[in-house]
Amino acid sequence: MTAATATRRRAVRRSGAGMLFVAPLAVIVAVVFLVPLGVLVFMSFQDWPLLGGPEANGLDNYADIASNDLFLGSITFTLLYTAIATVVIFGVSFVLVAVSNSARRGARFYRTAFFLPYVVGTAAAALIWFASVNDQNGIANEVLRAAGLTDGPWGFLSTPGKALFTTMTLVVWKFIGFQVLVLLVGLQSIPAELYEAARVDGASTLRRLRHITLPLLRPTLALLLILSVTGSLLAFDQFLVLTKGGPDNSTITVMFAVYNTAFQKFDLGRAAALSVVLLIVLVILNAVQFRFLRPKDG
């Protein structure tokens, strides 16, 4: 046996061993993602009522999207919610990071306090918020009345603007801890020697932020932006529990519209088509974000 043959056999054995290690994960991915995805695509080409059997209808489900007023209206609200949530969460998180990253006493307590709400499930947090803002016995109305800011119930969910504001307070309270934690990890991974050298050279705080902090935080900020945008576009639990899409369908998100199509209009085929379109949009959006947010050196 020549040396080349022996080398090829060793390479094949190593490749086989590698495949064995990867196989369990490949099976999990196939069962959890690929198989359901295939079923979803199949459903999108069917006329499939919730309580009946499927019947092929070609591209009709996709053609009907253009006349689905509920879904088209939900796109505008979802984009608005995504823009507001992303800007507000990033802005608040930067302030909280400045507080919790300092050397002052109690900084560890602040970090823990900021992160604790993230442990609460979104549906459970929405129920807590609903109990706090309802017009009958919500503690938020009692606080406003005691402060002399209102004579009766303020109506936290009575108008589209108030409903969006109330939901935003929930989202910020619930998700800000994760953002702060990731930013803290990114900040603390920056070598302190860079800041010391910048101070010696006379660089101001603004210049250190511009030339050291932000460039080295770019991967962290890119990750958080992608997670924030994707999570906001897929928002569902908080609106289902807190506003139920109201008032007057003004807080229906894209995922809420898919849910309504499947389980209120009992049309699984159209809901599957909406889901496929949403999936394609998310893949394209994330690809664009990766393209523009990745480091310039590749």
C-alpha atoms as a PDB file:
ATOM      1  CA  MET A   1       0.000   0.000   0.000  1.00  0.00           C
ATOM      2  CA  THR A   2       1.447   3.298  -1.089  1.00  0.00           C
ATOM      3  CA  ALA A   3       1.722   6.352   1.128  1.00  0.00           C
ATOM      4  CA  ALA A   4      -0.866   8.186  -1.004  1.00  0.00           C
ATOM      5  CA  THR A   5      -3.385   5.371  -0.549  1.00  0.00           C
ATOM      6  CA  ALA A   6      -2.825   5.292   3.204  1.00  0.00           C
ATOM      7  CA  THR A   7      -3.307   9.064   3.387  1.00  0.00           C
ATOM      8  CA  ARG A   8      -6.575   8.814   1.447  1.00  0.00           C
ATOM      9  CA  ARG A   9      -7.865   6.077   3.740  1.00  0.00           C
ATOM     10  CA  ARG A  10      -7.028   8.101   6.842  1.00  0.00           C
ATOM     11  CA  ALA A  11      -8.812  11.074   5.327  1.00  0.00           C
ATOM     12  CA  VAL A  12     -11.889   8.923   4.616  1.00  0.00           C
ATOM     13  CA  ARG A  13     -11.884   7.574   8.178  1.00  0.00           C
ATOM     14  CA  ARG A  14     -11.611  11.087   9.613  1.00  0.00           C
ATOM     15  CA  SER A  15     -14.421  12.242   7.339  1.00  0.00           C
ATOM     16  CA  GLY A  16     -16.559   9.292   8.412  1.00  0.00           C
ATOM     17  CA  ALA A  17     -15.927  10.026  12.073  1.00  0.00           C
ATOM     18  CA  GLY A  18     -16.827  13.655  11.506  1.00  0.00           C
ATOM     19  CA  MET A  19     -20.083  12.647   9.821  1.00  0.00           C
ATOM     20  CA  LEU A  20     -20.964  10.452  12.795  1.00  0.00           C
ATOM     21  CA  PHE A  21     -20.488  13.374  15.163  1.00  0.00           C
ATOM     22  CA  VAL A  22     -22.581  15.666  12.960  1.00  0.00           C
ATOM     23  CA  ALA A  23     -25.339  13.115  12.289  1.00  0.00           C
ATOM     24  CA  PRO A  24     -27.340  13.646  15.545  1.00  0.00           C
ATOM     25  CA  LEU A  25     -27.477  17.399  14.970  1.00  0.00           C
ATOM     26  CA  ALA A  26     -28.398  16.866  11.315  1.00  0.00           C
ATOM     27  CA  VAL A  27     -31.282  14.611  12.360  1.00  0.00           C
ATOM     28  CA  ILE A  28     -32.503  17.196  14.880  1.00  0.00           C
ATOM     29  CA  VAL A  29     -32.354  19.990  12.280  1.00  0.00           C
ATOM     30  CA  ALA A  30     -34.231  17.828   9.777  1.00  0.00           C
ATOM     31  CA  VAL A  31     -36.969  16.880  12.252  1.00  0.00           C
ATOM     32  CA  VAL A  32     -37.378  20.286  13.866  1.00  0.00           C
ATOM     33  CA  PHE A  33     -36.893  22.574  10.832  1.00  0.00           C
ATOM     34  CA  LEU A  34     -36.704  20.925   7.408  1.00  0.00           C
ATOM     35  CA  VAL A  35     -39.676  18.563   7.749  1.00  0.00           C
ATOM     36  CA  PRO A  36     -42.032  21.249   9.144  1.00  0.00           C
ATOM     37  CA  LEU A  37     -40.804  23.637   6.449  1.00  0.00           C
ATOM     38  CA  GLY A  38     -41.646  21.098   3.772  1.00  0.00           C
ATOM     39  CA  VAL A  39     -45.101  20.568   5.272  1.00  0.00           C
ATOM     40  CA  LEU A  40     -45.627  24.342   5.399  1.00  0.00           C
ATOM     41  CA  VAL A  41     -44.728  24.778   1.729  1.00  0.00           C
ATOM     42  CA  PHE A  42     -47.032  21.869   0.805  1.00  0.00           C
ATOM     43  CA  MET A  43     -49.890  23.427   2.794  1.00  0.00           C
ATOM     44  CA  SER A  44     -49.409  26.762   1.036  1.00  0.00           C
ATOM     45  CA  PHE A  45     -50.501  25.169  -2.263  1.00  0.00           C
ATOM     46  CA  GLN A  46     -53.621  23.598  -0.759  1.00  0.00           C
ATOM     47  CA  ASP A  47     -57.145  24.697   0.019  1.00  0.00           C
ATOM     48  CA  TRP A  48     -56.989  23.344   3.560  1.00  0.00           C
ATOM     49  CA  PRO A  49     -59.741  24.259   6.028  1.00  0.00           C
ATOM     50  CA  LEU A  50     -58.937  23.711   9.687  1.00  0.00           C
ATOM     51  CA  LEU A  51     -61.634  21.053  10.049  1.00  0.00           C
ATOM     52  CA  GLY A  52     -61.369  19.457   6.632  1.00  0.00           C
ATOM     53  CA  GLY A  53     -59.020  17.756   4.237  1.00  0.00           C
ATOM     54  CA  PRO A  54     -56.634  19.426   1.773  1.00  0.00           C
ATOM     55  CA  GLU A  55     -57.377  20.051  -1.879  1.00  0.00           C
ATOM     56  CA  ALA A  56     -54.760  21.370  -4.281  1.00  0.00           C
ATOM     57  CA  ASN A  57     -55.408  24.906  -5.553  1.00  0.00           C
ATOM     58  CA  GLY A  58     -52.066  25.889  -7.069  1.00  0.00           C
ATOM     59  CA  LEU A  59     -51.004  29.491  -6.521  1.00  0.00           C
ATOM     60  CA  ASP A  60     -54.435  30.753  -5.431  1.00  0.00           C
ATOM     61  CA  ASN A  61     -53.350  31.249  -1.813  1.00  0.00           C
ATOM     62  CA  TYR A  62     -50.453  33.448  -2.922  1.00  0.00           C
ATOM     63  CA  ALA A  63     -52.635  35.392  -5.380  1.00  0.00           C
ATOM     64  CA  ASP A  64     -55.155  36.122  -2.608  1.00  0.00           C
ATOM     65  CA  ILE A  65     -52.499  37.895  -0.501  1.00  0.00           C
ATOM     66  CA  ALA A  66     -52.923  41.052  -2.596  1.00  0.00           C
ATOM     67  CA  SER A  67     -56.582  41.270  -1.518  1.00  0.00           C
ATOM     68  CA  ASN A  68     -56.012  40.352   2.150  1.00  0.00           C
ATOM     69  CA  ASP A  69     -56.683  43.725   3.775  1.00  0.00           C
ATOM     70  CA  LEU A  70     -55.951  42.458   7.281  1.00  0.00           C
ATOM     71  CA  PHE A  71     -52.502  41.195   6.296  1.00  0.00           C
ATOM     72  CA  LEU A  72     -51.628  44.267   4.222  1.00  0.00           C
ATOM     73  CA  GLY A  73     -52.675  46.559   7.069  1.00  0.00           C
ATOM     74  CA  SER A  74     -50.627  44.543   9.531  1.00  0.00           C
ATOM     75  CA  ILE A  75     -47.478  45.161   7.461  1.00  0.00           C
ATOM     76  CA  THR A  76     -47.640  48.921   8.040  1.00  0.00           C
ATOM     77  CA  PHE A  77     -48.208  48.544  11.768  1.00  0.00           C
ATOM     78  CA  THR A  78     -45.473  45.912  12.104  1.00  0.00           C
ATOM     79  CA  LEU A  79     -42.929  48.133  10.354  1.00  0.00           C
ATOM     80  CA  LEU A  80     -43.903  51.073  12.570  1.00  0.00           C
ATOM     81  CA  TYR A  81     -43.673  48.954  15.698  1.00  0.00           C
ATOM     82  CA  THR A  82     -40.316  47.516  14.596  1.00  0.00           C
ATOM     83  CA  ALA A  83     -38.818  50.960  13.989  1.00  0.00           C
ATOM     84  CA  ILE A  84     -40.042  52.382  17.313  1.00  0.00           C
ATOM     85  CA  ALA A  85     -39.086  49.294  19.342  1.00  0.00           C
ATOM     86  CA  THR A  86     -35.593  49.100  17.863  1.00  0.00           C
ATOM     87  CA  VAL A  87     -34.808  52.788  18.414  1.00  0.00           C
ATOM     88  CA  VAL A  88     -36.279  52.938  21.923  1.00  0.00           C
ATOM     89  CA  ILE A  89     -34.658  49.714  23.149  1.00  0.00           C
ATOM     90  CA  PHE A  90     -31.241  50.718  21.813  1.00  0.00           C
ATOM     91  CA  GLY A  91     -31.531  54.210  23.304  1.00  0.00           C
ATOM     92  CA  VAL A  92     -32.597  53.014  26.743  1.00  0.00           C
ATOM     93  CA  SER A  93     -30.056  50.193  26.777  1.00  0.00           C
ATOM     94  CA  PHE A  94     -27.153  52.599  26.151  1.00  0.00           C
ATOM     95  CA  VAL A  95     -28.220  54.654  29.180  1.00  0.00           C
ATOM     96  CA  LEU A  96     -28.573  51.587  31.391  1.00  0.00           C
ATOM     97  CA  VAL A  97     -25.218  50.213  30.212  1.00  0.00           C
ATOM     98  CA  ALA A  98     -23.555  53.446  31.265  1.00  0.00           C
ATOM     99  CA  VAL A  99     -25.069  52.998  34.739  1.00  0.00           C
ATOM    100  CA  SER A 100     -24.341  49.302  35.186  1.00  0.00           C
ATOM    101  CA  ASN A 101     -20.833  49.380  33.648  1.00  0.00           C
ATOM    102  CA  SER A 102     -19.502  51.907  36.148  1.00  0.00           C
ATOM    103  CA  ALA A 103     -17.359  51.071  39.161  1.00  0.00           C
ATOM    104  CA  ARG A 104     -19.798  52.617  41.599  1.00  0.00           C
ATOM    105  CA  ARG A 105     -21.390  50.594  44.386  1.00  0.00           C
ATOM    106  CA  GLY A 106     -24.532  48.728  43.428  1.00  0.00           C
ATOM    107  CA  ALA A 107     -23.547  48.214  39.783  1.00  0.00           C
ATOM    108  CA  ARG A 108     -23.984  44.439  40.103  1.00  0.00           C
ATOM    109  CA  PHE A 109     -27.413  44.950  41.631  1.00  0.00           C
ATOM    110  CA  TYR A 110     -28.407  47.096  38.653  1.00  0.00           C
ATOM    111  CA  ARG A 111     -27.253  44.448  36.191  1.00  0.00           C
ATOM    112  CA  THR A 112     -29.308  41.785  37.934  1.00  0.00           C
ATOM    113  CA  ALA A 113     -32.347  44.030  38.207  1.00  0.00           C
ATOM    114  CA  PHE A 114     -32.207  44.937  34.516  1.00  0.00           C
ATOM    115  CA  PHE A 115     -31.947  41.298  33.424  1.00  0.00           C
ATOM    116  CA  LEU A 116     -34.580  39.722  35.696  1.00  0.00           C
ATOM    117  CA  PRO A 117     -37.626  40.746  33.579  1.00  0.00           C
ATOM    118  CA  TYR A 118     -36.123  38.913  30.605  1.00  0.00           C
ATOM    119  CA  VAL A 119     -36.557  35.633  32.480  1.00  0.00           C
ATOM    120  CA  VAL A 120     -40.330  36.133  32.534  1.00  0.00           C
ATOM    121  CA  GLY A 121     -42.167  34.654  29.565  1.00  0.00           C
ATOM    122  CA  THR A 122     -43.635  37.159  27.121  1.00  0.00           C
ATOM    123  CA  ALA A 123     -47.211  35.927  27.588  1.00  0.00           C
ATOM    124  CA  ALA A 124     -46.843  35.994  31.378  1.00  0.00           C
ATOM    125  CA  ALA A 125     -45.363  39.506  31.246  1.00  0.00           C
ATOM    126  CA  ALA A 126     -48.259  40.647  29.054  1.00  0.00           C
ATOM    127  CA  LEU A 127     -50.736  39.248  31.590  1.00  0.00           C
ATOM    128  CA  ILE A 128     -48.940  41.168  34.363  1.00  0.00           C
ATOM    129  CA  TRP A 129     -49.138  44.336  32.273  1.00  0.00           C
ATOM    130  CA  PHE A 130     -52.823  43.800  31.492  1.00  0.00           C
ATOM    131  CA  ALA A 131     -53.605  43.341  35.170  1.00  0.00           C
ATOM    132  CA  SER A 132     -51.780  46.600  35.877  1.00  0.00           C
ATOM    133  CA  VAL A 133     -53.401  48.799  33.203  1.00  0.00           C
ATOM    134  CA  ASN A 134     -56.985  47.544  32.959  1.00  0.00           C
ATOM    135  CA  ASP A 135     -59.664  50.172  33.619  1.00  0.00           C
ATOM    136  CA  GLN A 136     -61.460  48.235  36.353  1.00  0.00           C
ATOM    137  CA  ASN A 137     -58.817  47.697  39.016  1.00  0.00           C
ATOM    138  CA  GLY A 138     -55.422  48.307  37.390  1.00  0.00           C
ATOM    139  CA  ILE A 139     -52.796  49.694  39.726  1.00  0.00           C
ATOM    140  CA  ALA A 140     -51.492  52.047  37.016  1.00  0.00           C
ATOM    141  CA  ASN A 141     -54.801  53.943  37.006  1.00  0.00           C
ATOM    142  CA  GLU A 142     -54.742  54.142  40.788  1.00  0.00           C
ATOM    143  CA  VAL A 143     -51.238  55.625  40.719  1.00  0.00           C
ATOM    144  CA  LEU A 144     -52.258  58.250  38.147  1.00  0.00           C
ATOM    145  CA  ARG A 145     -55.370  59.102  40.149  1.00  0.00           C
ATOM    146  CA  ALA A 146     -53.373  59.428  43.375  1.00  0.00           C
ATOM    147  CA  ALA A 147     -50.901  61.727  41.614  1.00  0.00           C
ATOM    148  CA  GLY A 148     -53.753  63.912  40.404  1.00  0.00           C
ATOM    149  CA  LEU A 149     -53.019  63.258  36.731  1.00  0.00           C
ATOM    150  CA  THR A 150     -56.441  61.805  35.920  1.00  0.00           C
ATOM    151  CA  ASP A 151     -59.951  61.767  37.360  1.00  0.00           C
ATOM    152  CA  GLY A 152     -60.833  58.293  36.142  1.00  0.00           C
ATOM    153  CA  PRO A 153     -59.401  55.431  34.106  1.00  0.00           C
ATOM    154  CA  TRP A 154     -56.803  56.695  31.667  1.00  0.00           C
ATOM    155  CA  GLY A 155     -57.658  54.049  29.104  1.00  0.00           C
ATOM    156  CA  PHE A 156     -54.243  52.542  28.460  1.00  0.00           C
ATOM    157  CA  LEU A 157     -55.679  50.354  25.685  1.00  0.00           C
ATOM    158  CA  SER A 158     -58.575  52.520  24.518  1.00  0.00           C
ATOM    159  CA  THR A 159     -56.951  54.166  21.467  1.00  0.00           C
ATOM    160  CA  PRO A 160     -54.373  52.949  18.921  1.00  0.00           C
ATOM    161  CA  GLY A 161     -51.735  55.372  20.212  1.00  0.00           C
ATOM    162  CA  LYS A 162     -52.251  54.454  23.858  1.00  0.00           C
ATOM    163  CA  ALA A 163     -52.313  50.732  23.056  1.00  0.00           C
ATOM    164  CA  LEU A 164     -49.008  51.016  21.173  1.00  0.00           C
ATOM    165  CA  PHE A 165     -47.470  53.080  23.989  1.00  0.00           C
ATOM    166  CA  THR A 166     -48.590  50.569  26.626  1.00  0.00           C
ATOM    167  CA  THR A 167     -47.227  47.661  24.614  1.00  0.00           C
ATOM    168  CA  MET A 168     -43.931  49.488  24.103  1.00  0.00           C
ATOM    169  CA  THR A 169     -43.508  49.953  27.861  1.00  0.00           C
ATOM    170  CA  LEU A 170     -43.998  46.205  28.265  1.00  0.00           C
ATOM    171  CA  VAL A 171     -41.501  45.388  25.504  1.00  0.00           C
ATOM    172  CA  VAL A 172     -38.846  47.730  26.895  1.00  0.00           C
ATOM    173  CA  TRP A 173     -39.270  46.376  30.432  1.00  0.00           C
ATOM    174  CA  LYS A 174     -39.207  42.777  29.206  1.00  0.00           C
ATOM    175  CA  PHE A 175     -36.357  42.786  26.670  1.00  0.00           C
ATOM    176  CA  ILE A 176     -34.051  45.583  27.751  1.00  0.00           C
ATOM    177  CA  GLY A 177     -32.130  43.306  30.139  1.00  0.00           C
ATOM    178  CA  PHE A 178     -30.895  41.036  27.348  1.00  0.00           C
ATOM    179  CA  GLN A 179     -29.710  44.018  25.323  1.00  0.00           C
ATOM    180  CA  VAL A 180     -27.893  45.505  28.326  1.00  0.00           C
ATOM    181  CA  LEU A 181     -26.221  42.195  29.158  1.00  0.00           C
ATOM    182  CA  VAL A 182     -24.921  41.646  25.617  1.00  0.00           C
ATOM    183  CA  LEU A 183     -23.657  45.231  25.386  1.00  0.00           C
ATOM    184  CA  LEU A 184     -21.894  44.871  28.733  1.00  0.00           C
ATOM    185  CA  VAL A 185     -20.139  41.729  27.528  1.00  0.00           C
ATOM    186  CA  GLY A 186     -19.083  43.541  24.359  1.00  0.00           C
ATOM    187  CA  LEU A 187     -17.799  46.569  26.261  1.00  0.00           C
ATOM    188  CA  GLN A 188     -15.855  44.520  28.788  1.00  0.00           C
ATOM    189  CA  SER A 189     -14.166  42.570  25.977  1.00  0.00           C
ATOM    190  CA  ILE A 190     -12.498  45.770  24.706  1.00  0.00           C
ATOM    191  CA  PRO A 191      -8.935  45.958  26.071  1.00  0.00           C
ATOM    192  CA  ALA A 192      -8.556  48.714  28.670  1.00  0.00           C
ATOM    193  CA  GLU A 193      -5.091  49.458  27.262  1.00  0.00           C
ATOM    194  CA  LEU A 194      -6.681  51.041  24.198  1.00  0.00           C
ATOM    195  CA  TYR A 195      -8.527  53.579  26.319  1.00  0.00           C
ATOM    196  CA  GLU A 196      -5.417  54.298  28.379  1.00  0.00           C
ATOM    197  CA  ALA A 197      -3.366  54.918  25.259  1.00  0.00           C
ATOM    198  CA  ALA A 198      -6.094  57.190  23.882  1.00  0.00           C
ATOM    199  CA  ARG A 199      -6.167  59.207  27.103  1.00  0.00           C
ATOM    200  CA  VAL A 200      -2.390  59.601  26.999  1.00  0.00           C
ATOM    201  CA  ASP A 201      -2.691  60.911  23.446  1.00  0.00           C
ATOM    202  CA  GLY A 202      -5.271  63.440  24.636  1.00  0.00           C
ATOM    203  CA  ALA A 203      -8.322  61.886  22.957  1.00  0.00           C
ATOM    204  CA  SER A 204     -11.626  63.222  24.278  1.00  0.00           C
ATOM    205  CA  THR A 205     -14.476  61.012  25.456  1.00  0.00           C
ATOM    206  CA  LEU A 206     -16.314  61.550  22.166  1.00  0.00           C
ATOM    207  CA  ARG A 207     -13.255  60.584  20.111  1.00  0.00           C
ATOM    208  CA  ARG A 208     -12.717  57.457  22.229  1.00  0.00           C
ATOM    209  CA  LEU A 209     -16.350  56.536  21.655  1.00  0.00           C
ATOM    210  CA  ARG A 210     -16.081  57.125  17.915  1.00  0.00           C
ATOM    211  CA  HIS A 211     -12.713  55.503  17.219  1.00  0.00           C
ATOM    212  CA  ILE A 212     -12.527  52.735  19.839  1.00  0.00           C
ATOM    213  CA  THR A 213     -15.860  51.805  21.377  1.00  0.00           C
ATOM    214  CA  LEU A 214     -18.166  51.855  18.367  1.00  0.00           C
ATOM    215  CA  PRO A 215     -15.789  50.130  15.892  1.00  0.00           C
ATOM    216  CA  LEU A 216     -14.987  47.330  18.349  1.00  0.00           C
ATOM    217  CA  LEU A 217     -18.666  47.004  19.296  1.00  0.00           C
ATOM    218  CA  ARG A 218     -19.714  46.723  15.654  1.00  0.00           C
ATOM    219  CA  PRO A 219     -20.211  42.905  15.709  1.00  0.00           C
ATOM    220  CA  THR A 220     -22.184  43.140  18.954  1.00  0.00           C
ATOM    221  CA  LEU A 221     -24.342  45.976  17.658  1.00  0.00           C
ATOM    222  CA  ALA A 222     -24.944  44.077  14.416  1.00  0.00           C
ATOM    223  CA  LEU A 223     -26.078  40.991  16.328  1.00  0.00           C
ATOM    224  CA  LEU A 224     -28.408  43.015  18.542  1.00  0.00           C
ATOM    225  CA  LEU A 225     -29.850  44.900  15.586  1.00  0.00           C
ATOM    226  CA  ILE A 226     -30.607  41.690  13.702  1.00  0.00           C
ATOM    227  CA  LEU A 227     -32.190  40.086  16.776  1.00  0.00           C
ATOM    228  CA  SER A 228     -34.190  43.225  17.569  1.00  0.00           C
ATOM    229  CA  VAL A 229     -35.528  43.701  14.049  1.00  0.00           C
ATOM    230  CA  THR A 230     -36.338  40.025  13.558  1.00  0.00           C
ATOM    231  CA  GLY A 231     -37.981  39.727  16.976  1.00  0.00           C
ATOM    232  CA  SER A 232     -40.082  42.846  16.378  1.00  0.00           C
ATOM    233  CA  LEU A 233     -41.232  41.646  12.952  1.00  0.00           C
ATOM    234  CA  LEU A 234     -42.333  38.375  14.572  1.00  0.00           C
ATOM    235  CA  ALA A 235     -44.048  40.040  17.553  1.00  0.00           C
ATOM    236  CA  PHE A 236     -47.176  38.156  18.567  1.00  0.00           C
ATOM    237  CA  ASP A 237     -47.573  37.169  22.229  1.00  0.00           C
ATOM    238  CA  GLN A 238     -47.675  40.668  23.686  1.00  0.00           C
ATOM    239  CA  PHE A 239     -50.364  41.837  21.273  1.00  0.00           C
ATOM    240  CA  LEU A 240     -52.446  38.673  21.533  1.00  0.00           C
ATOM    241  CA  VAL A 241     -52.596  38.884  25.330  1.00  0.00           C
ATOM    242  CA  LEU A 242     -52.490  42.631  25.933  1.00  0.00           C
ATOM    243  CA  THR A 243     -54.441  44.296  23.107  1.00  0.00           C
ATOM    244  CA  LYS A 244     -56.002  41.319  21.261  1.00  0.00           C
ATOM    245  CA  GLY A 245     -55.340  43.271  18.078  1.00  0.00           C
ATOM    246  CA  GLY A 246     -57.489  46.218  19.126  1.00  0.00           C
ATOM    247  CA  PRO A 247     -58.813  48.725  19.208  1.00  0.00           C
ATOM    248  CA  ASP A 248     -60.346  48.325  15.748  1.00  0.00           C
ATOM    249  CA  ASN A 249     -57.598  45.977  14.513  1.00  0.00           C
ATOM    250  CA  SER A 250     -55.058  48.783  14.918  1.00  0.00           C
ATOM    251  CA  THR A 251     -52.431  46.635  16.675  1.00  0.00           C
ATOM    252  CA  ILE A 252     -52.480  43.526  14.522  1.00  0.00           C
ATOM    253  CA  THR A 253     -48.988  42.431  13.557  1.00  0.00           C
ATOM    254  CA  VAL A 254     -48.029  40.208  10.643  1.00  0.00           C
ATOM    255  CA  MET A 255     -47.829  37.147  12.884  1.00  0.00           C
ATOM    256  CA  PHE A 256     -51.180  38.063  14.409  1.00  0.00           C
ATOM    257  CA  ALA A 257     -52.679  38.223  10.907  1.00  0.00           C
ATOM    258  CA  VAL A 258     -51.301  34.749  10.152  1.00  0.00           C
ATOM    259  CA  TYR A 259     -52.806  33.487  13.415  1.00  0.00           C
ATOM    260  CA  ASN A 260     -56.200  35.033  12.609  1.00  0.00           C
ATOM    261  CA  THR A 261     -56.186  33.503   9.144  1.00  0.00           C
ATOM    262  CA  ALA A 262     -55.450  30.036  10.495  1.00  0.00           C
ATOM    263  CA  PHE A 263     -57.480  29.878  13.692  1.00  0.00           C
ATOM    264  CA  GLN A 264     -60.253  32.454  13.288  1.00  0.00           C
ATOM    265  CA  LYS A 265     -60.935  32.157   9.566  1.00  0.00           C
ATOM    266  CA  PHE A 266     -59.988  28.450   9.700  1.00  0.00           C
ATOM    267  CA  ASP A 267     -57.930  28.650   6.491  1.00  0.00           C
ATOM    268  CA  LEU A 268     -54.649  26.797   6.992  1.00  0.00           C
ATOM    269  CA  GLY A 269     -53.664  27.029   3.330  1.00  0.00           C
ATOM    270  CA  ARG A 270     -53.749  30.816   3.184  1.00  0.00           C
ATOM    271  CA  ALA A 271     -52.044  31.062   6.565  1.00  0.00           C
ATOM    272  CA  ALA A 272     -49.261  28.800   5.275  1.00  0.00           C
ATOM    273  CA  ALA A 273     -48.829  30.978   2.177  1.00  0.00           C
ATOM    274  CA  LEU A 274     -48.546  34.084   4.384  1.00  0.00           C
ATOM    275  CA  SER A 275     -45.955  32.277   6.515  1.00  0.00           C
ATOM    276  CA  VAL A 276     -43.871  31.330   3.483  1.00  0.00           C
ATOM    277  CA  VAL A 277     -43.881  34.928   2.238  1.00  0.00           C
ATOM    278  CA  LEU A 278     -42.894  36.159   5.700  1.00  0.00           C
ATOM    279  CA  LEU A 279     -40.079  33.606   5.858  1.00  0.00           C
ATOM    280  CA  ILE A 280     -38.701  34.715   2.483  1.00  0.00           C
ATOM    281  CA  VAL A 281     -38.818  38.379   3.530  1.00  0.00           C
ATOM    282  CA  LEU A 282     -37.000  37.617   6.795  1.00  0.00           C
ATOM    283  CA  VAL A 283     -34.275  35.643   5.003  1.00  0.00           C
ATOM    284  CA  ILE A 284     -33.716  38.496   2.537  1.00  0.00           C
ATOM    285  CA  LEU A 285     -33.775  41.119   5.293  1.00  0.00           C
ATOM    286  CA  ASN A 286     -31.262  39.242   7.441  1.00  0.00           C
ATOM    287  CA  ALA A 287     -29.004  38.685   4.436  1.00  0.00           C
ATOM    288  CA  VAL A 288     -29.048  42.426   3.703  1.00  0.00           C
ATOM    289  CA  GLN A 289     -28.306  43.248   7.335  1.00  0.00           C
ATOM    290  CA  PHE A 290     -25.394  40.802   7.426  1.00  0.00           C
ATOM    291  CA  ARG A 291     -24.074  42.308   4.208  1.00  0.00           C
ATOM    292  CA  PHE A 292     -24.039  45.884   5.497  1.00  0.00           C
ATOM    293  CA  LEU A 293     -23.196  45.251   9.143  1.00  0.00           C
ATOM    294  CA  ARG A 294     -20.349  42.777   8.866  1.00  0.00           C
ATOM    295  CA  PRO A 295     -16.804  44.122   9.318  1.00  0.00           C
ATOM    296  CA  LYS A 296     -15.309  45.631   6.181  1.00  0.00           C
ATOM    297  CA  ASP A 297     -12.325  43.266   6.360  1.00  0.00           C
ATOM    298  CA  GLY A 298     -14.737  40.359   5.782  1.00  0.00           C
END
